[in-house]
Amino acid sequence: CTTALQTGRQSKTPSQKKKKRKKNLGWVWWLMLVIPALWESKVGGSLKLKSFRPAWWVNGVNTLEHEGGYLPFEADISNLVQVGPLSSQLRITIAINNTLSPTTLPPGTIQYLTDTSKYPKGYFVQNTYFDFFNYAGLQRSVLLYTTPTAYIDDITVTTGVEHDSGLVNYQISVKGSNLFELEVRLLDAENKLVANGTGTQGQLKVPGARLWWPYLMHERPAYLYSLEVRLTAQMSPGPVSDFYTLPVGIRTVAVTESQFLINGKPFYFHGVNKHEDADIRGKGFDWPLLVKDFNLLRWLGANAFRTSHYPYAEEVLQMCDRYGIVVIDECPGVGLALPQFFNNVSLQNHMRVMEEVVRRDKNHPAVVMWSVANEPASHLESAGYYLKMVIAHTKALDPSRPVTFVTNSNYAADKGAPYVDVICLNSYYSWYHDYGHLELIQQQLTTQFESWYKTYQKPIIQSEYGAETIVGFHQDPPLMFTEEYQKSLLEQYHVVLDQKRRKYVVGELIWNFADFMTEQCKWQFGSWDKYWESRHEPPCPACPHFF
């Protein structure tokens, strides 16, 4: 669908150079000088980055502004590029602002500290309402690509199963021409043709289809077909062609009152929460790190994770498709903690973000559920309406997947829970309260599950639980922050989880897979140590007790 361009020199990203300030708030600028080796008849610019309110210029012309990070957006820059053998240098200027406001996602506030005996005049701080570091920078790829004058713009695939046959429903969008033909072919993993069709929409039937199964749920998990789409368009200079290949996994997802079903069989989320963070590159995307993480996930026996608390890089989901790791795909709706965050501007922004999430991730078989928020103040009446609207909008965008949000509210007070398909609960018994009283966990966790299920009659996932641990810190009997305390706490959780999974609990996700950077405060230092795996230490003692 695209032709990659060779690029000349470009500026280093913040993860490649030492910043003068450890913590930046506000605008950061990059200048990229690109000398293209090839320009086609039409040039598109695709900008994919993690940032808040980025803007970019091409040869000094303001080309595009976009609010929100984590998700791709693009602009057509054909009219700004000189075409021909003497193509000129292309100057791309990018400005990124990581300041959070009550209407950004995630939201935040600016607090001015006016006591001049303590603070300089005009001194202010950014207040956030989440526990991960608010990085500033360009942390994903910037791509320049070319398209033909008529090209394949989008493909949407949904799948189903009918008896022993797999169904692949496709819908294709074409730009640049109304006079075209589309040829669609579905190939198996051995590159053999199994079905074919024509036109912008249709259904391919695959007799004896190999289904996409999660890791450890089938002897051959993560089976992928290849959907090939070939476009031929009639243009005034002559015929134009385009071609795109999309990996396709045939699988179904359904939810009952007590089960989460993949391909009609009960599935149990046995995994982790993650963060895109590491001590070398921060949130900068890193292929070797990604491969290491997936090897660790498979070694642990994990079959799922949640993209806490924002959409991860597309390469992560591609790996999940290939490895059979199931994903709860979460938007940046984290930190919705104050009443002023549930306003109409925020609601429209939130729904736009969900449109971007679904548009990008809709074709990944590994993505089985959307999460629209993490720990919002869902006891508020305004939050109830807000969550109802966002969930309904997401279901309208993609009726094929269940929708949830992750709550830490009381079951009787939660105004958003009636609208979700699966209840996702965060609770930290004997950690954030009843410090050190491990003997209370089984009673409190049992009460939690029974109260929620009796009220809503929906399957439940324990979407966060755990204890912060300092590597090498030991004490017997167990004390908080020791490795022994983490192990003992998890053992108490698992007694109840093993009982309830036979009834209506359909998953457990430990917090957190690996350590990640946080803001400085008095109760944690450097990084968040409530992790499962240190990438630099031997496996923690609690690992065998979970997986």
Protein backbone atom coordinates (compact mmCIF):
# COMPACT_ATOMS: atom_id res chain seq x y z
CA CYS A 1 0.00 0.00 0.00
CA THR A 2 2.98 2.28 0.55
CA THR A 3 6.51 2.81 -0.64
CA ALA A 4 9.11 3.56 2.01
CA LEU A 5 11.43 6.51 1.49
CA GLN A 6 15.11 6.69 2.22
CA THR A 7 15.84 9.52 4.62
CA GLY A 8 18.83 11.66 5.25
CA ARG A 9 19.98 12.84 8.64
CA GLN A 10 17.47 13.53 11.36
CA SER A 11 17.56 14.83 14.89
CA LYS A 12 17.97 12.50 17.84
CA THR A 13 14.99 11.80 20.05
CA PRO A 14 15.06 12.49 23.81
CA SER A 15 15.75 8.79 24.42
CA GLN A 16 18.93 9.13 22.33
CA LYS A 17 20.45 12.14 24.01
CA LYS A 18 20.82 13.43 27.54
CA LYS A 19 18.37 16.17 28.34
CA LYS A 20 19.43 19.26 30.23
CA ARG A 21 16.39 18.88 32.42
CA LYS A 22 15.32 15.56 33.86
CA LYS A 23 11.68 16.56 33.83
CA ASN A 24 10.28 18.67 31.02
CA LEU A 25 6.84 20.29 30.93
CA GLY A 26 5.66 22.18 27.88
CA TRP A 27 6.86 22.42 24.31
CA VAL A 28 9.71 20.40 22.83
CA TRP A 29 10.86 20.88 19.23
CA TRP A 30 12.49 18.61 16.65
CA LEU A 31 13.88 19.40 13.22
CA MET A 32 14.21 16.58 10.70
CA LEU A 33 15.98 17.10 7.39
CA VAL A 34 14.99 14.46 4.84
CA ILE A 35 16.53 14.04 1.39
CA PRO A 36 14.18 11.68 -0.46
CA ALA A 37 15.62 9.11 -2.82
CA LEU A 38 12.29 8.53 -4.52
CA TRP A 39 9.07 10.50 -4.85
CA GLU A 40 6.03 8.92 -6.39
CA SER A 41 3.16 10.86 -7.92
CA LYS A 42 1.53 11.34 -4.56
CA VAL A 43 3.22 11.75 -1.19
CA GLY A 44 1.63 11.15 2.21
CA GLY A 45 3.11 11.95 5.59
CA SER A 46 2.26 9.64 8.46
CA LEU A 47 3.15 10.81 11.95
CA LYS A 48 3.02 8.24 14.74
CA LEU A 49 4.13 9.40 18.16
CA LYS A 50 3.40 9.45 21.86
CA SER A 51 2.74 13.02 22.88
CA PHE A 52 0.08 15.51 23.88
CA ARG A 53 -1.04 18.25 21.48
CA PRO A 54 1.66 17.75 18.80
CA ALA A 55 1.91 19.99 15.76
CA TRP A 56 4.11 19.73 12.70
CA TRP A 57 5.33 21.89 9.85
CA VAL A 58 6.69 20.92 6.45
CA ASN A 59 9.03 23.44 4.87
CA GLY A 60 7.69 26.04 7.27
CA VAL A 61 4.01 25.40 6.49
CA ASN A 62 1.77 24.38 9.40
CA THR A 63 0.48 21.05 8.14
CA LEU A 64 -1.37 19.43 10.99
CA GLU A 65 -2.19 19.66 14.67
CA HIS A 66 -3.55 16.83 16.77
CA GLU A 67 -4.48 16.56 20.42
CA GLY A 68 -3.55 13.34 22.13
CA GLY A 69 -0.70 10.90 21.99
CA TYR A 70 -0.30 7.13 21.56
CA LEU A 71 -2.29 6.93 18.31
CA PRO A 72 -1.29 7.62 14.68
CA PHE A 73 -2.48 10.54 12.62
CA GLU A 74 -1.41 11.78 9.22
CA ALA A 75 -1.57 14.54 6.64
CA ASP A 76 -1.17 14.65 2.86
CA ILE A 77 1.89 16.81 2.08
CA SER A 78 1.99 16.29 -1.69
CA ASN A 79 1.59 19.98 -2.48
CA LEU A 80 4.63 20.82 -0.31
CA VAL A 81 7.04 18.44 -2.04
CA GLN A 82 8.96 19.07 -5.22
CA VAL A 83 8.51 16.08 -7.54
CA GLY A 84 11.17 14.98 -9.99
CA PRO A 85 14.82 13.96 -10.25
CA LEU A 86 15.98 17.17 -8.54
CA SER A 87 13.82 16.78 -5.45
CA SER A 88 14.67 19.35 -2.83
CA GLN A 89 15.46 18.75 0.82
CA LEU A 90 12.36 18.33 2.97
CA ARG A 91 12.37 20.04 6.36
CA ILE A 92 9.98 18.63 8.94
CA THR A 93 9.52 20.52 12.21
CA ILE A 94 7.66 18.84 15.05
CA ALA A 95 6.48 20.46 18.27
CA ILE A 96 5.15 18.39 21.16
CA ASN A 97 3.54 19.56 24.38
CA ASN A 98 3.04 17.18 27.33
CA THR A 99 1.04 19.63 29.45
CA LEU A 100 -2.19 18.06 30.71
CA SER A 101 -5.45 19.96 31.20
CA PRO A 102 -8.93 19.01 32.47
CA THR A 103 -9.97 18.17 28.88
CA THR A 104 -6.94 16.16 27.71
CA LEU A 105 -6.81 12.39 27.94
CA PRO A 106 -5.35 11.65 30.41
CA PRO A 107 -6.40 14.83 32.22
CA GLY A 108 -4.39 16.95 34.64
CA THR A 109 -4.32 20.36 36.27
CA ILE A 110 -1.80 23.17 36.61
CA GLN A 111 -1.33 24.47 40.14
CA TYR A 112 0.33 27.84 40.76
CA LEU A 113 2.17 28.04 44.09
CA THR A 114 1.84 31.64 45.19
CA ASP A 115 3.63 31.69 48.55
CA THR A 116 6.66 33.77 47.50
CA SER A 117 8.47 32.87 50.73
CA LYS A 118 8.71 29.32 49.39
CA TYR A 119 8.42 29.57 45.61
CA PRO A 120 9.65 31.95 42.88
CA LYS A 121 7.06 34.23 41.29
CA GLY A 122 4.99 32.37 38.69
CA TYR A 123 6.07 28.94 39.94
CA PHE A 124 3.69 26.14 39.02
CA VAL A 125 3.51 22.36 38.94
CA GLN A 126 1.65 19.85 36.81
CA ASN A 127 -0.72 17.73 38.88
CA THR A 128 -1.47 14.28 37.49
CA TYR A 129 -3.83 11.66 38.86
CA PHE A 130 -2.06 8.48 37.78
CA ASP A 131 1.03 6.68 39.03
CA PHE A 132 3.28 6.55 35.96
CA PHE A 133 5.72 9.14 34.70
CA ASN A 134 4.44 11.82 32.31
CA TYR A 135 7.23 11.58 29.76
CA ALA A 136 7.74 14.27 27.12
CA GLY A 137 9.04 13.35 23.72
CA LEU A 138 8.81 11.67 20.37
CA GLN A 139 8.70 8.01 21.28
CA ARG A 140 7.32 6.27 18.22
CA SER A 141 8.12 6.31 14.52
CA VAL A 142 7.73 9.20 12.11
CA LEU A 143 7.02 7.75 8.68
CA LEU A 144 7.06 9.34 5.25
CA TYR A 145 5.39 7.20 2.65
CA THR A 146 4.09 7.42 -0.90
CA THR A 147 0.87 6.09 -2.38
CA PRO A 148 -0.33 5.75 -5.97
CA THR A 149 -2.88 8.31 -7.13
CA ALA A 150 -5.55 5.68 -6.37
CA TYR A 151 -4.87 3.48 -3.36
CA ILE A 152 -6.25 1.16 -0.70
CA ASP A 153 -7.04 3.40 2.26
CA ASP A 154 -8.55 1.05 4.85
CA ILE A 155 -9.57 -2.56 5.42
CA THR A 156 -11.96 -3.80 8.09
CA VAL A 157 -12.16 -7.51 8.87
CA THR A 158 -14.48 -9.41 11.20
CA THR A 159 -14.52 -13.17 11.54
CA GLY A 160 -16.92 -15.90 12.56
CA VAL A 161 -17.39 -19.66 12.61
CA GLU A 162 -20.20 -21.64 10.99
CA HIS A 163 -20.05 -25.35 11.73
CA ASP A 164 -16.52 -26.33 10.64
CA SER A 165 -16.06 -23.34 8.33
CA GLY A 166 -14.44 -20.03 9.12
CA LEU A 167 -16.01 -16.79 7.91
CA VAL A 168 -13.97 -13.72 7.00
CA ASN A 169 -16.05 -10.60 6.37
CA TYR A 170 -14.17 -7.75 4.73
CA GLN A 171 -14.88 -4.13 3.88
CA ILE A 172 -12.38 -2.09 1.85
CA SER A 173 -12.09 1.66 1.37
CA VAL A 174 -10.40 3.10 -1.73
CA LYS A 175 -9.33 6.70 -2.28
CA GLY A 176 -8.38 8.55 -5.43
CA SER A 177 -10.73 6.89 -7.91
CA ASN A 178 -14.28 5.64 -8.35
CA LEU A 179 -13.38 3.41 -11.28
CA PHE A 180 -11.52 0.42 -9.92
CA GLU A 181 -11.54 -3.33 -9.41
CA LEU A 182 -10.59 -5.17 -6.23
CA GLU A 183 -9.35 -8.75 -6.06
CA VAL A 184 -9.33 -10.36 -2.59
CA ARG A 185 -7.49 -13.59 -1.76
CA LEU A 186 -7.10 -15.46 1.52
CA LEU A 187 -3.95 -17.56 1.93
CA ASP A 188 -3.14 -20.01 4.70
CA ALA A 189 0.15 -20.16 6.63
CA GLU A 190 1.63 -22.35 3.86
CA ASN A 191 0.72 -19.65 1.31
CA LYS A 192 -2.02 -21.76 -0.27
CA LEU A 193 -5.18 -20.12 -1.58
CA VAL A 194 -8.21 -21.06 0.56
CA ALA A 195 -10.80 -18.47 -0.54
CA ASN A 196 -11.16 -15.50 -2.85
CA GLY A 197 -13.57 -12.70 -3.66
CA THR A 198 -14.00 -9.35 -5.39
CA GLY A 199 -15.39 -5.91 -4.63
CA THR A 200 -15.29 -3.54 -1.68
CA GLN A 201 -17.13 -5.89 0.67
CA GLY A 202 -17.89 -9.56 0.94
CA GLN A 203 -17.56 -12.75 2.89
CA LEU A 204 -14.95 -15.47 2.41
CA LYS A 205 -15.82 -18.98 3.56
CA VAL A 206 -12.98 -21.25 4.66
CA PRO A 207 -13.95 -24.94 5.03
CA GLY A 208 -12.06 -26.68 7.83
CA ALA A 209 -10.60 -23.39 8.99
CA ARG A 210 -7.70 -23.28 11.45
CA LEU A 211 -8.80 -21.00 14.25
CA TRP A 212 -6.77 -18.38 16.09
CA TRP A 213 -6.35 -19.66 19.66
CA PRO A 214 -4.66 -18.04 22.65
CA TYR A 215 -1.30 -19.28 23.90
CA LEU A 216 -1.57 -22.57 25.86
CA MET A 217 -5.21 -23.04 24.83
CA HIS A 218 -4.41 -25.09 21.72
CA GLU A 219 -1.54 -27.18 20.41
CA ARG A 220 -1.09 -24.68 17.57
CA PRO A 221 -2.05 -21.24 18.88
CA ALA A 222 -2.08 -17.94 17.01
CA TYR A 223 -2.76 -19.35 13.55
CA LEU A 224 -2.79 -16.52 11.01
CA TYR A 225 -4.05 -16.34 7.46
CA SER A 226 -3.02 -13.61 4.99
CA LEU A 227 -5.66 -11.45 3.31
CA GLU A 228 -4.29 -10.09 0.03
CA VAL A 229 -6.06 -7.12 -1.56
CA ARG A 230 -5.12 -6.00 -5.07
CA LEU A 231 -6.47 -2.76 -6.53
CA THR A 232 -6.54 -1.86 -10.22
CA ALA A 233 -7.86 1.63 -10.99
CA GLN A 234 -8.44 3.33 -14.33
CA MET A 235 -6.85 6.79 -14.35
CA SER A 236 -6.39 9.27 -17.21
CA PRO A 237 -2.64 8.54 -17.60
CA GLY A 238 -3.34 4.79 -17.53
CA PRO A 239 -4.08 1.97 -15.07
CA VAL A 240 -2.83 2.30 -11.49
CA SER A 241 -2.38 -0.59 -9.08
CA ASP A 242 -1.98 -1.00 -5.33
CA PHE A 243 -1.52 -4.05 -3.10
CA TYR A 244 -1.84 -4.76 0.62
CA THR A 245 -1.52 -7.86 2.80
CA LEU A 246 -3.28 -8.09 6.18
CA PRO A 247 -2.74 -10.90 8.73
CA VAL A 248 -6.09 -12.39 9.74
CA GLY A 249 -6.92 -14.65 12.66
CA ILE A 250 -10.27 -16.42 12.52
CA ARG A 251 -11.84 -16.46 15.98
CA THR A 252 -14.98 -15.53 17.87
CA VAL A 253 -15.49 -13.71 21.17
CA ALA A 254 -18.61 -13.89 23.34
CA VAL A 255 -19.62 -13.14 26.93
CA THR A 256 -22.23 -14.92 29.07
CA GLU A 257 -23.33 -14.21 32.64
CA SER A 258 -20.39 -16.15 33.99
CA GLN A 259 -17.96 -16.88 31.15
CA PHE A 260 -15.69 -15.22 28.61
CA LEU A 261 -15.69 -17.38 25.47
CA ILE A 262 -13.10 -17.55 22.70
CA ASN A 263 -14.17 -19.82 19.83
CA GLY A 264 -17.03 -21.00 22.03
CA LYS A 265 -14.78 -22.26 24.83
CA PRO A 266 -14.25 -20.67 28.27
CA PHE A 267 -11.14 -18.50 28.41
CA TYR A 268 -9.36 -17.43 31.61
CA PHE A 269 -7.22 -14.29 31.50
CA HIS A 270 -4.04 -15.42 33.25
CA GLY A 271 -1.61 -12.59 32.86
CA VAL A 272 -0.32 -9.16 33.73
CA ASN A 273 -0.69 -5.44 33.35
CA LYS A 274 2.16 -3.72 31.55
CA HIS A 275 3.67 -0.33 30.83
CA GLU A 276 5.65 0.86 27.84
CA ASP A 277 8.67 1.83 29.90
CA ALA A 278 12.25 0.76 30.49
CA ASP A 279 15.27 2.29 32.14
CA ILE A 280 17.24 2.85 28.91
CA ARG A 281 14.72 4.39 26.49
CA GLY A 282 11.83 5.35 28.75
CA LYS A 283 8.74 5.01 26.57
CA GLY A 284 10.80 4.96 23.38
CA PHE A 285 9.91 1.93 21.26
CA ASP A 286 12.60 -0.75 21.32
CA TRP A 287 12.35 -4.01 19.32
CA PRO A 288 14.92 -5.99 21.39
CA LEU A 289 13.12 -5.03 24.60
CA LEU A 290 9.78 -6.06 23.11
CA VAL A 291 11.14 -9.47 22.12
CA LYS A 292 12.59 -9.95 25.60
CA ASP A 293 9.28 -9.06 27.22
CA PHE A 294 7.40 -11.59 25.09
CA ASN A 295 9.91 -14.30 25.87
CA LEU A 296 9.39 -13.54 29.56
CA LEU A 297 5.61 -13.65 29.14
CA ARG A 298 5.79 -17.07 27.49
CA TRP A 299 8.25 -18.31 30.13
CA LEU A 300 5.81 -17.21 32.82
CA GLY A 301 2.94 -18.99 31.10
CA ALA A 302 0.97 -15.75 30.73
CA ASN A 303 -1.73 -15.70 28.07
CA ALA A 304 -2.97 -12.11 28.36
CA PHE A 305 -2.25 -8.53 29.35
CA ARG A 306 -3.98 -5.19 29.54
CA THR A 307 -2.45 -2.18 27.78
CA SER A 308 -2.50 -0.18 30.99
CA HIS A 309 -3.21 2.69 30.65
CA TYR A 310 -3.01 3.71 26.98
CA PRO A 311 -2.78 2.07 23.54
CA TYR A 312 0.63 0.49 22.98
CA ALA A 313 2.68 0.67 19.80
CA GLU A 314 1.24 -1.22 16.83
CA GLU A 315 4.24 -3.53 16.83
CA VAL A 316 3.20 -4.79 20.28
CA LEU A 317 -0.20 -5.91 18.99
CA GLN A 318 1.41 -7.51 15.94
CA MET A 319 3.54 -9.59 18.32
CA CYS A 320 0.43 -10.53 20.32
CA ASP A 321 -1.25 -11.77 17.14
CA ARG A 322 1.77 -13.96 16.36
CA TYR A 323 2.33 -15.26 19.90
CA GLY A 324 -1.30 -15.79 20.89
CA ILE A 325 -1.23 -13.28 23.75
CA VAL A 326 -4.75 -11.95 24.39
CA VAL A 327 -5.12 -8.19 24.86
CA ILE A 328 -7.53 -5.93 26.73
CA ASP A 329 -6.93 -2.77 24.70
CA GLU A 330 -7.19 0.31 26.92
CA CYS A 331 -7.40 3.96 25.88
CA PRO A 332 -5.62 6.78 27.79
CA GLY A 333 -8.69 7.29 29.99
CA VAL A 334 -6.71 7.22 33.22
CA GLY A 335 -6.73 9.80 36.00
CA LEU A 336 -10.41 10.75 35.60
CA ALA A 337 -10.47 11.47 39.31
CA LEU A 338 -12.11 14.90 39.67
CA PRO A 339 -15.70 16.01 38.95
CA GLN A 340 -14.50 18.72 36.53
CA PHE A 341 -12.98 16.06 34.28
CA PHE A 342 -16.46 14.76 33.31
CA ASN A 343 -17.45 17.65 31.06
CA ASN A 344 -18.88 17.76 27.55
CA VAL A 345 -15.58 18.77 25.93
CA SER A 346 -13.83 15.84 27.60
CA LEU A 347 -16.64 13.50 26.58
CA GLN A 348 -16.36 14.45 22.91
CA ASN A 349 -12.58 14.11 23.09
CA HIS A 350 -12.86 10.72 24.77
CA MET A 351 -15.22 9.43 22.09
CA ARG A 352 -12.86 10.70 19.37
CA VAL A 353 -9.99 8.85 21.03
CA MET A 354 -12.01 5.64 21.06
CA GLU A 355 -12.65 6.11 17.34
CA GLU A 356 -8.90 6.32 16.81
CA VAL A 357 -8.23 3.25 18.98
CA VAL A 358 -10.81 1.12 17.19
CA ARG A 359 -9.75 2.32 13.75
CA ARG A 360 -6.14 1.36 14.43
CA ASP A 361 -6.60 -1.93 16.34
CA LYS A 362 -9.85 -3.39 14.96
CA ASN A 363 -8.19 -6.07 12.83
CA HIS A 364 -6.01 -7.64 15.53
CA PRO A 365 -7.35 -11.06 16.58
CA ALA A 366 -5.42 -10.75 19.85
CA VAL A 367 -7.57 -7.77 20.89
CA VAL A 368 -10.67 -9.30 22.50
CA MET A 369 -12.02 -6.40 24.58
CA TRP A 370 -11.90 -2.59 24.72
CA SER A 371 -11.32 -0.76 27.99
CA VAL A 372 -12.48 2.87 27.99
CA ALA A 373 -10.98 3.95 31.34
CA ASN A 374 -8.95 2.96 34.38
CA GLU A 375 -10.20 3.78 37.87
CA PRO A 376 -12.44 6.75 36.99
CA ALA A 377 -14.42 8.37 39.80
CA SER A 378 -17.32 6.16 38.76
CA HIS A 379 -19.29 6.84 41.95
CA LEU A 380 -20.18 10.29 40.58
CA GLU A 381 -23.49 10.80 38.79
CA SER A 382 -21.72 12.77 36.06
CA ALA A 383 -19.29 9.88 35.60
CA GLY A 384 -22.18 7.46 35.13
CA TYR A 385 -23.57 9.41 32.18
CA TYR A 386 -20.08 10.01 30.78
CA LEU A 387 -19.14 6.30 30.89
CA LYS A 388 -22.50 5.25 29.51
CA MET A 389 -21.97 7.47 26.46
CA VAL A 390 -18.36 6.39 25.84
CA ILE A 391 -19.22 2.69 26.18
CA ALA A 392 -22.24 2.98 23.87
CA HIS A 393 -20.14 4.84 21.32
CA THR A 394 -17.43 2.17 21.44
CA LYS A 395 -19.95 -0.64 20.99
CA ALA A 396 -21.40 1.16 17.99
CA LEU A 397 -17.91 1.45 16.49
CA ASP A 398 -17.23 -2.26 17.01
CA PRO A 399 -20.16 -4.55 17.88
CA SER A 400 -17.91 -7.62 17.67
CA ARG A 401 -16.05 -7.07 20.95
CA PRO A 402 -17.15 -6.58 24.57
CA VAL A 403 -16.42 -3.26 26.29
CA THR A 404 -15.36 -2.59 29.87
CA PHE A 405 -13.67 -0.08 32.13
CA VAL A 406 -11.55 -0.89 35.16
CA THR A 407 -13.00 0.21 38.48
CA ASN A 408 -11.88 0.54 42.08
CA SER A 409 -15.22 1.91 43.30
CA ASN A 410 -17.61 0.22 45.70
CA TYR A 411 -20.04 -2.16 44.00
CA ALA A 412 -23.08 -0.37 45.41
CA ALA A 413 -21.92 3.08 44.34
CA ASP A 414 -20.48 2.45 40.87
CA LYS A 415 -22.55 4.32 38.29
CA GLY A 416 -20.75 2.91 35.23
CA ALA A 417 -20.82 -0.82 35.96
CA PRO A 418 -24.35 -1.40 34.56
CA TYR A 419 -23.11 -0.56 31.07
CA VAL A 420 -20.06 -2.86 30.78
CA ASP A 421 -19.99 -6.45 29.50
CA VAL A 422 -17.31 -7.62 31.94
CA ILE A 423 -16.60 -6.29 35.45
CA CYS A 424 -12.90 -5.45 35.92
CA LEU A 425 -11.85 -4.84 39.53
CA ASN A 426 -8.69 -3.34 41.02
CA SER A 427 -8.14 -4.11 44.72
CA TYR A 428 -5.08 -4.24 46.96
CA TYR A 429 -6.14 -5.91 50.20
CA SER A 430 -3.52 -5.83 52.97
CA TRP A 431 -1.54 -3.28 51.00
CA TYR A 432 -3.32 0.07 50.77
CA HIS A 433 -5.23 -0.66 53.96
CA ASP A 434 -5.04 -3.22 56.77
CA TYR A 435 -1.29 -3.04 56.36
CA GLY A 436 0.40 -6.33 57.06
CA HIS A 437 -2.80 -8.22 57.89
CA LEU A 438 -2.52 -11.00 55.33
CA GLU A 439 -5.05 -13.08 57.26
CA LEU A 440 -7.85 -10.73 56.10
CA ILE A 441 -7.34 -11.12 52.35
CA GLN A 442 -9.45 -14.24 51.77
CA GLN A 443 -12.48 -12.87 53.59
CA GLN A 444 -12.30 -9.42 51.96
CA LEU A 445 -11.68 -10.76 48.46
CA THR A 446 -14.51 -13.29 48.76
CA THR A 447 -16.88 -10.53 49.90
CA GLN A 448 -15.77 -8.35 46.98
CA PHE A 449 -16.50 -11.02 44.35
CA GLU A 450 -19.80 -12.15 45.82
CA SER A 451 -21.12 -8.59 46.21
CA TRP A 452 -20.26 -7.60 42.65
CA TYR A 453 -21.61 -10.77 41.07
CA LYS A 454 -24.84 -10.75 43.05
CA THR A 455 -25.46 -7.14 41.99
CA TYR A 456 -24.57 -7.32 38.27
CA GLN A 457 -24.55 -11.01 37.18
CA LYS A 458 -21.58 -10.45 34.90
CA PRO A 459 -18.21 -12.21 34.60
CA ILE A 460 -15.44 -10.64 36.68
CA ILE A 461 -11.73 -10.09 36.10
CA GLN A 462 -9.39 -9.23 38.96
CA SER A 463 -7.69 -6.64 36.79
CA GLU A 464 -5.10 -5.46 39.35
CA TYR A 465 -3.64 -6.84 42.57
CA GLY A 466 -0.21 -7.19 44.10
CA ALA A 467 2.31 -5.80 46.56
CA GLU A 468 5.31 -3.54 46.15
CA THR A 469 8.60 -5.36 46.64
CA ILE A 470 12.23 -4.31 46.93
CA VAL A 471 14.50 -6.86 45.30
CA GLY A 472 16.72 -8.55 47.88
CA PHE A 473 14.71 -7.33 50.88
CA HIS A 474 13.90 -10.33 53.10
CA GLN A 475 12.24 -10.82 56.46
CA ASP A 476 10.66 -13.75 58.29
CA PRO A 477 7.88 -13.45 59.32
CA PRO A 478 7.01 -11.45 56.18
CA LEU A 479 7.01 -7.65 56.37
CA MET A 480 5.68 -5.24 53.77
CA PHE A 481 8.10 -4.55 50.90
CA THR A 482 9.91 -7.89 51.38
CA GLU A 483 9.89 -10.58 48.73
CA GLU A 484 8.28 -12.91 51.28
CA TYR A 485 5.38 -10.50 51.82
CA GLN A 486 4.66 -10.29 48.10
CA LYS A 487 4.71 -14.09 47.84
CA SER A 488 2.43 -14.54 50.87
CA LEU A 489 -0.02 -11.87 49.70
CA LEU A 490 -0.37 -13.48 46.29
CA GLU A 491 -0.88 -16.92 47.82
CA GLN A 492 -3.85 -15.56 49.80
CA TYR A 493 -5.37 -14.04 46.65
CA HIS A 494 -4.91 -17.26 44.72
CA VAL A 495 -6.85 -19.34 47.22
CA VAL A 496 -9.96 -17.28 46.49
CA LEU A 497 -9.29 -16.84 42.77
CA ASP A 498 -8.97 -20.61 42.34
CA GLN A 499 -12.36 -21.06 44.02
CA LYS A 500 -14.20 -18.36 42.09
CA ARG A 501 -12.78 -19.14 38.65
CA ARG A 502 -14.94 -22.24 38.69
CA LYS A 503 -17.99 -19.97 38.94
CA TYR A 504 -17.81 -16.46 37.47
CA VAL A 505 -14.27 -15.04 37.81
CA VAL A 506 -12.76 -15.18 34.32
CA GLY A 507 -9.32 -13.71 34.83
CA GLU A 508 -6.54 -12.30 36.98
CA LEU A 509 -3.93 -9.74 35.92
CA ILE A 510 -1.05 -9.05 38.28
CA TRP A 511 0.20 -5.50 38.83
CA ASN A 512 2.73 -5.14 37.27
CA PHE A 513 4.76 -7.07 34.71
CA ALA A 514 7.96 -5.03 35.13
CA ASP A 515 9.21 -1.94 36.92
CA PHE A 516 8.42 1.48 35.43
CA MET A 517 9.18 5.12 36.15
CA THR A 518 6.97 7.18 38.46
CA GLU A 519 6.86 10.67 39.88
CA GLN A 520 8.97 11.29 42.98
CA CYS A 521 7.08 10.93 46.24
CA LYS A 522 7.60 9.77 49.81
CA TRP A 523 6.16 6.26 49.43
CA GLN A 524 8.11 5.06 46.39
CA PHE A 525 11.47 5.79 44.91
CA GLY A 526 12.86 5.87 41.38
CA SER A 527 10.55 3.31 39.85
CA TRP A 528 7.35 1.53 40.82
CA ASP A 529 8.46 -1.71 42.46
CA LYS A 530 5.11 -3.49 42.57
CA TYR A 531 6.32 -5.52 39.64
CA TRP A 532 6.42 -9.17 38.70
CA GLU A 533 9.60 -9.32 36.63
CA SER A 534 12.74 -7.22 36.86
CA ARG A 535 14.47 -7.27 33.51
CA HIS A 536 17.83 -7.22 35.34
CA GLU A 537 17.27 -9.63 38.24
CA PRO A 538 16.51 -13.33 38.66
CA PRO A 539 12.80 -14.27 38.68
CA CYS A 540 11.01 -13.18 41.83
CA PRO A 541 10.14 -15.94 44.33
CA ALA A 542 6.43 -15.38 43.80
CA CYS A 543 6.52 -16.32 40.09
CA PRO A 544 5.98 -20.09 40.53
CA HIS A 545 2.97 -19.42 42.74
CA PHE A 546 1.19 -17.45 40.04
CA PHE A 547 1.93 -19.21 36.79
